[in-house]
């Protein structure tokens, strides 16, 4: 009788353990996922897809188009080219970027109530304005400004470069690295 009771007890423990073990695994996995989500930092939304002012999406598309990769099949000798041609190309690019910044300012100037939206767009437009030499209150166009003296851009730029995974920056659709290059 004692042997039969031991067998019944072992069988019930084995049967109960089999049912509890998968449930325990699921519960443990759910706890681990919740802990990982709580421990991971919240990154800023970089795509600007949910903005109130939809002009940001147009500015983003124009900026991405201007800085899209232009792969060439030129030989290294052809890439050197004439200094005059390179200078004209650079001037043309400066004019296009200046036009892009002007268009962005004009289309976005009506949305003063949404000053905190699309931080990535604001950062990219600020970098472009610095690159073409346009300061905040002064329309000075020249050979470009200095990022070192643009203190207001330091914190957001360093946050994006140091704290946010670059895969998120790249997938945002904003050509930050192309602008910096």
C-alpha atoms as a PDB file:
ATOM      1  CA  UNK A   1       0.000   0.000   0.000  1.00  0.00           C
ATOM      2  CA  UNK A   2       2.909   2.339   0.797  1.00  0.00           C
ATOM      3  CA  UNK A   3       4.480   1.635  -2.586  1.00  0.00           C
ATOM      4  CA  UNK A   4       1.219   2.403  -4.356  1.00  0.00           C
ATOM      5  CA  UNK A   5       0.907   5.699  -2.463  1.00  0.00           C
ATOM      6  CA  UNK A   6       4.492   6.611  -3.383  1.00  0.00           C
ATOM      7  CA  UNK A   7       3.786   5.840  -7.035  1.00  0.00           C
ATOM      8  CA  UNK A   8       0.603   7.924  -6.974  1.00  0.00           C
ATOM      9  CA  UNK A   9       2.479  10.792  -5.313  1.00  0.00           C
ATOM     10  CA  UNK A  10       5.341  10.623  -7.811  1.00  0.00           C
ATOM     11  CA  UNK A  11       2.919  10.456 -10.706  1.00  0.00           C
ATOM     12  CA  UNK A  12       0.942  13.442  -9.468  1.00  0.00           C
ATOM     13  CA  UNK A  13       4.108  15.426  -8.847  1.00  0.00           C
ATOM     14  CA  UNK A  14       5.393  14.597 -12.314  1.00  0.00           C
ATOM     15  CA  UNK A  15       2.065  15.404 -13.940  1.00  0.00           C
ATOM     16  CA  UNK A  16       1.595  18.621 -11.992  1.00  0.00           C
ATOM     17  CA  UNK A  17       5.181  19.672 -12.692  1.00  0.00           C
ATOM     18  CA  UNK A  18       4.692  19.240 -16.413  1.00  0.00           C
ATOM     19  CA  UNK A  19       1.685  21.567 -16.419  1.00  0.00           C
ATOM     20  CA  UNK A  20       3.276  24.163 -14.161  1.00  0.00           C
ATOM     21  CA  UNK A  21       6.626  24.237 -15.920  1.00  0.00           C
ATOM     22  CA  UNK A  22       5.426  25.754 -19.257  1.00  0.00           C
ATOM     23  CA  UNK A  23       3.255  28.239 -17.362  1.00  0.00           C
ATOM     24  CA  UNK A  24       6.216  29.167 -15.206  1.00  0.00           C
ATOM     25  CA  UNK A  25       8.381  29.640 -18.302  1.00  0.00           C
ATOM     26  CA  UNK A  26       5.795  31.926 -19.905  1.00  0.00           C
ATOM     27  CA  UNK A  27       5.436  33.969 -16.727  1.00  0.00           C
ATOM     28  CA  UNK A  28       9.212  34.244 -16.363  1.00  0.00           C
ATOM     29  CA  UNK A  29       9.574  35.337 -19.993  1.00  0.00           C
ATOM     30  CA  UNK A  30       6.846  37.955 -19.555  1.00  0.00           C
ATOM     31  CA  UNK A  31       8.590  39.322 -16.467  1.00  0.00           C
ATOM     32  CA  UNK A  32      11.922  39.484 -18.323  1.00  0.00           C
ATOM     33  CA  UNK A  33      10.344  41.334 -21.256  1.00  0.00           C
ATOM     34  CA  UNK A  34       8.698  43.827 -18.890  1.00  0.00           C
ATOM     35  CA  UNK A  35      12.003  44.361 -17.067  1.00  0.00           C
ATOM     36  CA  UNK A  36      13.877  44.883 -20.351  1.00  0.00           C
ATOM     37  CA  UNK A  37      11.294  47.428 -21.520  1.00  0.00           C
ATOM     38  CA  UNK A  38      11.474  49.275 -18.217  1.00  0.00           C
ATOM     39  CA  UNK A  39      15.282  49.284 -18.291  1.00  0.00           C
ATOM     40  CA  UNK A  40      15.639  50.444 -21.899  1.00  0.00           C
ATOM     41  CA  UNK A  41      15.764  54.210 -22.367  1.00  0.00           C
ATOM     42  CA  UNK A  42      12.994  55.981 -24.202  1.00  0.00           C
ATOM     43  CA  UNK A  43      14.402  57.487 -27.378  1.00  0.00           C
ATOM     44  CA  UNK A  44      12.933  60.572 -28.999  1.00  0.00           C
ATOM     45  CA  UNK A  45      10.647  60.133 -31.979  1.00  0.00           C
ATOM     46  CA  UNK A  46      12.886  61.107 -34.886  1.00  0.00           C
ATOM     47  CA  UNK A  47      10.698  60.545 -37.942  1.00  0.00           C
ATOM     48  CA  UNK A  48       8.299  63.443 -37.260  1.00  0.00           C
ATOM     49  CA  UNK A  49       5.474  61.321 -38.663  1.00  0.00           C
ATOM     50  CA  UNK A  50       2.944  62.307 -35.978  1.00  0.00           C
ATOM     51  CA  UNK A  51       3.481  66.063 -36.081  1.00  0.00           C
ATOM     52  CA  UNK A  52       0.605  68.527 -36.093  1.00  0.00           C
ATOM     53  CA  UNK A  53       2.348  70.727 -38.636  1.00  0.00           C
ATOM     54  CA  UNK A  54       2.529  68.448 -41.698  1.00  0.00           C
ATOM     55  CA  UNK A  55       4.901  70.881 -43.462  1.00  0.00           C
ATOM     56  CA  UNK A  56       7.685  69.093 -41.559  1.00  0.00           C
ATOM     57  CA  UNK A  57       7.083  66.042 -43.750  1.00  0.00           C
ATOM     58  CA  UNK A  58       7.541  68.138 -46.896  1.00  0.00           C
ATOM     59  CA  UNK A  59      10.715  69.716 -45.500  1.00  0.00           C
ATOM     60  CA  UNK A  60      12.001  66.260 -44.610  1.00  0.00           C
ATOM     61  CA  UNK A  61      11.335  64.961 -48.138  1.00  0.00           C
ATOM     62  CA  UNK A  62      13.040  67.978 -49.736  1.00  0.00           C
ATOM     63  CA  UNK A  63      16.047  67.663 -47.422  1.00  0.00           C
ATOM     64  CA  UNK A  64      16.364  63.930 -48.056  1.00  0.00           C
ATOM     65  CA  UNK A  65      16.144  64.526 -51.815  1.00  0.00           C
ATOM     66  CA  UNK A  66      18.893  67.171 -51.684  1.00  0.00           C
ATOM     67  CA  UNK A  67      21.227  64.912 -49.722  1.00  0.00           C
ATOM     68  CA  UNK A  68      20.371  61.599 -51.374  1.00  0.00           C
ATOM     69  CA  UNK A  69      23.393  59.546 -52.370  1.00  0.00           C
ATOM     70  CA  UNK A  70      24.597  60.436 -55.809  1.00  0.00           C
ATOM     71  CA  UNK A  71      26.570  57.394 -56.829  1.00  0.00           C
ATOM     72  CA  UNK A  72      28.757  57.933 -59.817  1.00  0.00           C
ATOM     73  CA  UNK A  73      30.659  55.665 -62.111  1.00  0.00           C
ATOM     74  CA  UNK A  74      33.461  58.139 -62.758  1.00  0.00           C
ATOM     75  CA  UNK A  75      37.055  57.142 -62.610  1.00  0.00           C
ATOM     76  CA  UNK A  76      39.207  58.869 -59.975  1.00  0.00           C
ATOM     77  CA  UNK A  77      40.784  61.063 -62.682  1.00  0.00           C
ATOM     78  CA  UNK A  78      37.336  62.208 -63.860  1.00  0.00           C
ATOM     79  CA  UNK A  79      36.297  62.951 -60.277  1.00  0.00           C
ATOM     80  CA  UNK A  80      39.121  65.442 -59.852  1.00  0.00           C
ATOM     81  CA  UNK A  81      37.763  67.519 -62.714  1.00  0.00           C
ATOM     82  CA  UNK A  82      38.330  71.176 -63.354  1.00  0.00           C
ATOM     83  CA  UNK A  83      38.608  73.472 -60.328  1.00  0.00           C
ATOM     84  CA  UNK A  84      36.195  75.898 -61.971  1.00  0.00           C
ATOM     85  CA  UNK A  85      33.580  73.172 -62.421  1.00  0.00           C
ATOM     86  CA  UNK A  86      33.926  72.107 -58.797  1.00  0.00           C
ATOM     87  CA  UNK A  87      33.536  75.691 -57.651  1.00  0.00           C
ATOM     88  CA  UNK A  88      30.391  76.137 -59.755  1.00  0.00           C
ATOM     89  CA  UNK A  89      28.955  72.888 -58.418  1.00  0.00           C
ATOM     90  CA  UNK A  90      29.643  73.978 -54.835  1.00  0.00           C
ATOM     91  CA  UNK A  91      28.032  77.378 -55.445  1.00  0.00           C
ATOM     92  CA  UNK A  92      24.991  75.656 -56.938  1.00  0.00           C
ATOM     93  CA  UNK A  93      24.732  73.390 -53.936  1.00  0.00           C
ATOM     94  CA  UNK A  94      24.996  76.393 -51.597  1.00  0.00           C
ATOM     95  CA  UNK A  95      22.166  78.114 -53.477  1.00  0.00           C
ATOM     96  CA  UNK A  96      19.980  74.980 -53.350  1.00  0.00           C
ATOM     97  CA  UNK A  97      20.598  74.525 -49.621  1.00  0.00           C
ATOM     98  CA  UNK A  98      19.912  78.209 -48.964  1.00  0.00           C
ATOM     99  CA  UNK A  99      16.670  77.879 -50.925  1.00  0.00           C
ATOM    100  CA  UNK A 100      15.767  74.764 -48.928  1.00  0.00           C
ATOM    101  CA  UNK A 101      16.323  76.545 -45.599  1.00  0.00           C
ATOM    102  CA  UNK A 102      14.355  79.593 -46.781  1.00  0.00           C
ATOM    103  CA  UNK A 103      11.469  77.411 -47.922  1.00  0.00           C
ATOM    104  CA  UNK A 104      11.468  75.536 -44.614  1.00  0.00           C
ATOM    105  CA  UNK A 105      11.448  78.769 -42.628  1.00  0.00           C
ATOM    106  CA  UNK A 106       8.594  80.183 -44.717  1.00  0.00           C
ATOM    107  CA  UNK A 107       6.428  77.069 -44.542  1.00  0.00           C
ATOM    108  CA  UNK A 108       7.048  76.477 -40.846  1.00  0.00           C
ATOM    109  CA  UNK A 109       6.928  80.057 -39.588  1.00  0.00           C
ATOM    110  CA  UNK A 110       3.150  79.912 -39.197  1.00  0.00           C
ATOM    111  CA  UNK A 111       3.385  77.173 -36.561  1.00  0.00           C
ATOM    112  CA  UNK A 112       4.814  79.036 -33.579  1.00  0.00           C
ATOM    113  CA  UNK A 113       2.440  77.137 -31.304  1.00  0.00           C
ATOM    114  CA  UNK A 114       4.233  73.846 -31.991  1.00  0.00           C
ATOM    115  CA  UNK A 115       7.791  74.854 -31.180  1.00  0.00           C
ATOM    116  CA  UNK A 116       8.699  71.516 -29.601  1.00  0.00           C
ATOM    117  CA  UNK A 117       7.633  69.293 -32.470  1.00  0.00           C
ATOM    118  CA  UNK A 118      10.048  67.578 -34.844  1.00  0.00           C
ATOM    119  CA  UNK A 119      13.286  68.072 -32.949  1.00  0.00           C
ATOM    120  CA  UNK A 120      15.250  66.141 -35.571  1.00  0.00           C
ATOM    121  CA  UNK A 121      13.973  68.459 -38.289  1.00  0.00           C
ATOM    122  CA  UNK A 122      14.871  71.516 -36.247  1.00  0.00           C
ATOM    123  CA  UNK A 123      18.355  70.139 -35.680  1.00  0.00           C
ATOM    124  CA  UNK A 124      18.877  69.403 -39.393  1.00  0.00           C
ATOM    125  CA  UNK A 125      17.583  72.835 -40.454  1.00  0.00           C
ATOM    126  CA  UNK A 126      19.814  74.508 -37.843  1.00  0.00           C
ATOM    127  CA  UNK A 127      22.842  72.610 -39.138  1.00  0.00           C
ATOM    128  CA  UNK A 128      22.018  73.620 -42.709  1.00  0.00           C
ATOM    129  CA  UNK A 129      21.599  77.253 -41.677  1.00  0.00           C
ATOM    130  CA  UNK A 130      24.995  77.134 -39.989  1.00  0.00           C
ATOM    131  CA  UNK A 131      26.559  75.466 -43.037  1.00  0.00           C
ATOM    132  CA  UNK A 132      25.401  78.201 -45.393  1.00  0.00           C
ATOM    133  CA  UNK A 133      26.343  80.956 -42.965  1.00  0.00           C
ATOM    134  CA  UNK A 134      22.866  82.159 -42.051  1.00  0.00           C
ATOM    135  CA  UNK A 135      22.616  83.233 -38.452  1.00  0.00           C
ATOM    136  CA  UNK A 136      19.394  83.455 -36.452  1.00  0.00           C
ATOM    137  CA  UNK A 137      18.633  87.162 -36.827  1.00  0.00           C
ATOM    138  CA  UNK A 138      20.941  87.946 -39.668  1.00  0.00           C
ATOM    139  CA  UNK A 139      20.680  86.780 -43.266  1.00  0.00           C
ATOM    140  CA  UNK A 140      24.398  86.539 -43.860  1.00  0.00           C
ATOM    141  CA  UNK A 141      25.117  84.165 -46.701  1.00  0.00           C
ATOM    142  CA  UNK A 142      28.662  83.175 -47.241  1.00  0.00           C
ATOM    143  CA  UNK A 143      31.127  80.343 -47.069  1.00  0.00           C
ATOM    144  CA  UNK A 144      29.447  78.792 -44.066  1.00  0.00           C
ATOM    145  CA  UNK A 145      29.376  79.296 -40.366  1.00  0.00           C
ATOM    146  CA  UNK A 146      31.062  77.496 -37.530  1.00  0.00           C
ATOM    147  CA  UNK A 147      29.436  74.722 -35.564  1.00  0.00           C
ATOM    148  CA  UNK A 148      31.774  75.545 -32.692  1.00  0.00           C
ATOM    149  CA  UNK A 149      30.180  78.939 -32.144  1.00  0.00           C
ATOM    150  CA  UNK A 150      26.598  77.652 -32.463  1.00  0.00           C
ATOM    151  CA  UNK A 151      26.149  76.749 -28.797  1.00  0.00           C
ATOM    152  CA  UNK A 152      22.397  76.173 -29.056  1.00  0.00           C
ATOM    153  CA  UNK A 153      23.013  73.219 -31.385  1.00  0.00           C
ATOM    154  CA  UNK A 154      25.640  71.483 -29.240  1.00  0.00           C
ATOM    155  CA  UNK A 155      23.325  69.766 -26.770  1.00  0.00           C
ATOM    156  CA  UNK A 156      20.761  68.372 -29.248  1.00  0.00           C
ATOM    157  CA  UNK A 157      23.478  67.292 -31.666  1.00  0.00           C
ATOM    158  CA  UNK A 158      25.507  65.519 -28.993  1.00  0.00           C
ATOM    159  CA  UNK A 159      22.357  63.867 -27.641  1.00  0.00           C
ATOM    160  CA  UNK A 160      21.553  62.437 -31.066  1.00  0.00           C
ATOM    161  CA  UNK A 161      25.143  61.362 -31.764  1.00  0.00           C
ATOM    162  CA  UNK A 162      25.938  59.882 -28.355  1.00  0.00           C
ATOM    163  CA  UNK A 163      22.677  58.747 -26.781  1.00  0.00           C
ATOM    164  CA  UNK A 164      20.494  57.560 -29.656  1.00  0.00           C
ATOM    165  CA  UNK A 165      21.378  54.390 -31.580  1.00  0.00           C
ATOM    166  CA  UNK A 166      22.521  55.362 -35.053  1.00  0.00           C
ATOM    167  CA  UNK A 167      20.184  52.822 -36.648  1.00  0.00           C
ATOM    168  CA  UNK A 168      17.294  54.944 -35.333  1.00  0.00           C
ATOM    169  CA  UNK A 169      18.916  58.102 -36.694  1.00  0.00           C
ATOM    170  CA  UNK A 170      19.403  56.469 -40.096  1.00  0.00           C
ATOM    171  CA  UNK A 171      15.863  55.084 -40.197  1.00  0.00           C
ATOM    172  CA  UNK A 172      14.375  58.478 -39.307  1.00  0.00           C
ATOM    173  CA  UNK A 173      14.563  59.666 -42.908  1.00  0.00           C
ATOM    174  CA  UNK A 174      16.494  62.818 -41.974  1.00  0.00           C
ATOM    175  CA  UNK A 175      19.944  62.918 -43.639  1.00  0.00           C
ATOM    176  CA  UNK A 176      21.799  64.007 -40.492  1.00  0.00           C
ATOM    177  CA  UNK A 177      25.056  62.239 -41.322  1.00  0.00           C
ATOM    178  CA  UNK A 178      25.039  63.589 -44.891  1.00  0.00           C
ATOM    179  CA  UNK A 179      24.517  67.108 -43.544  1.00  0.00           C
ATOM    180  CA  UNK A 180      27.400  66.664 -41.112  1.00  0.00           C
ATOM    181  CA  UNK A 181      29.637  65.344 -43.873  1.00  0.00           C
END
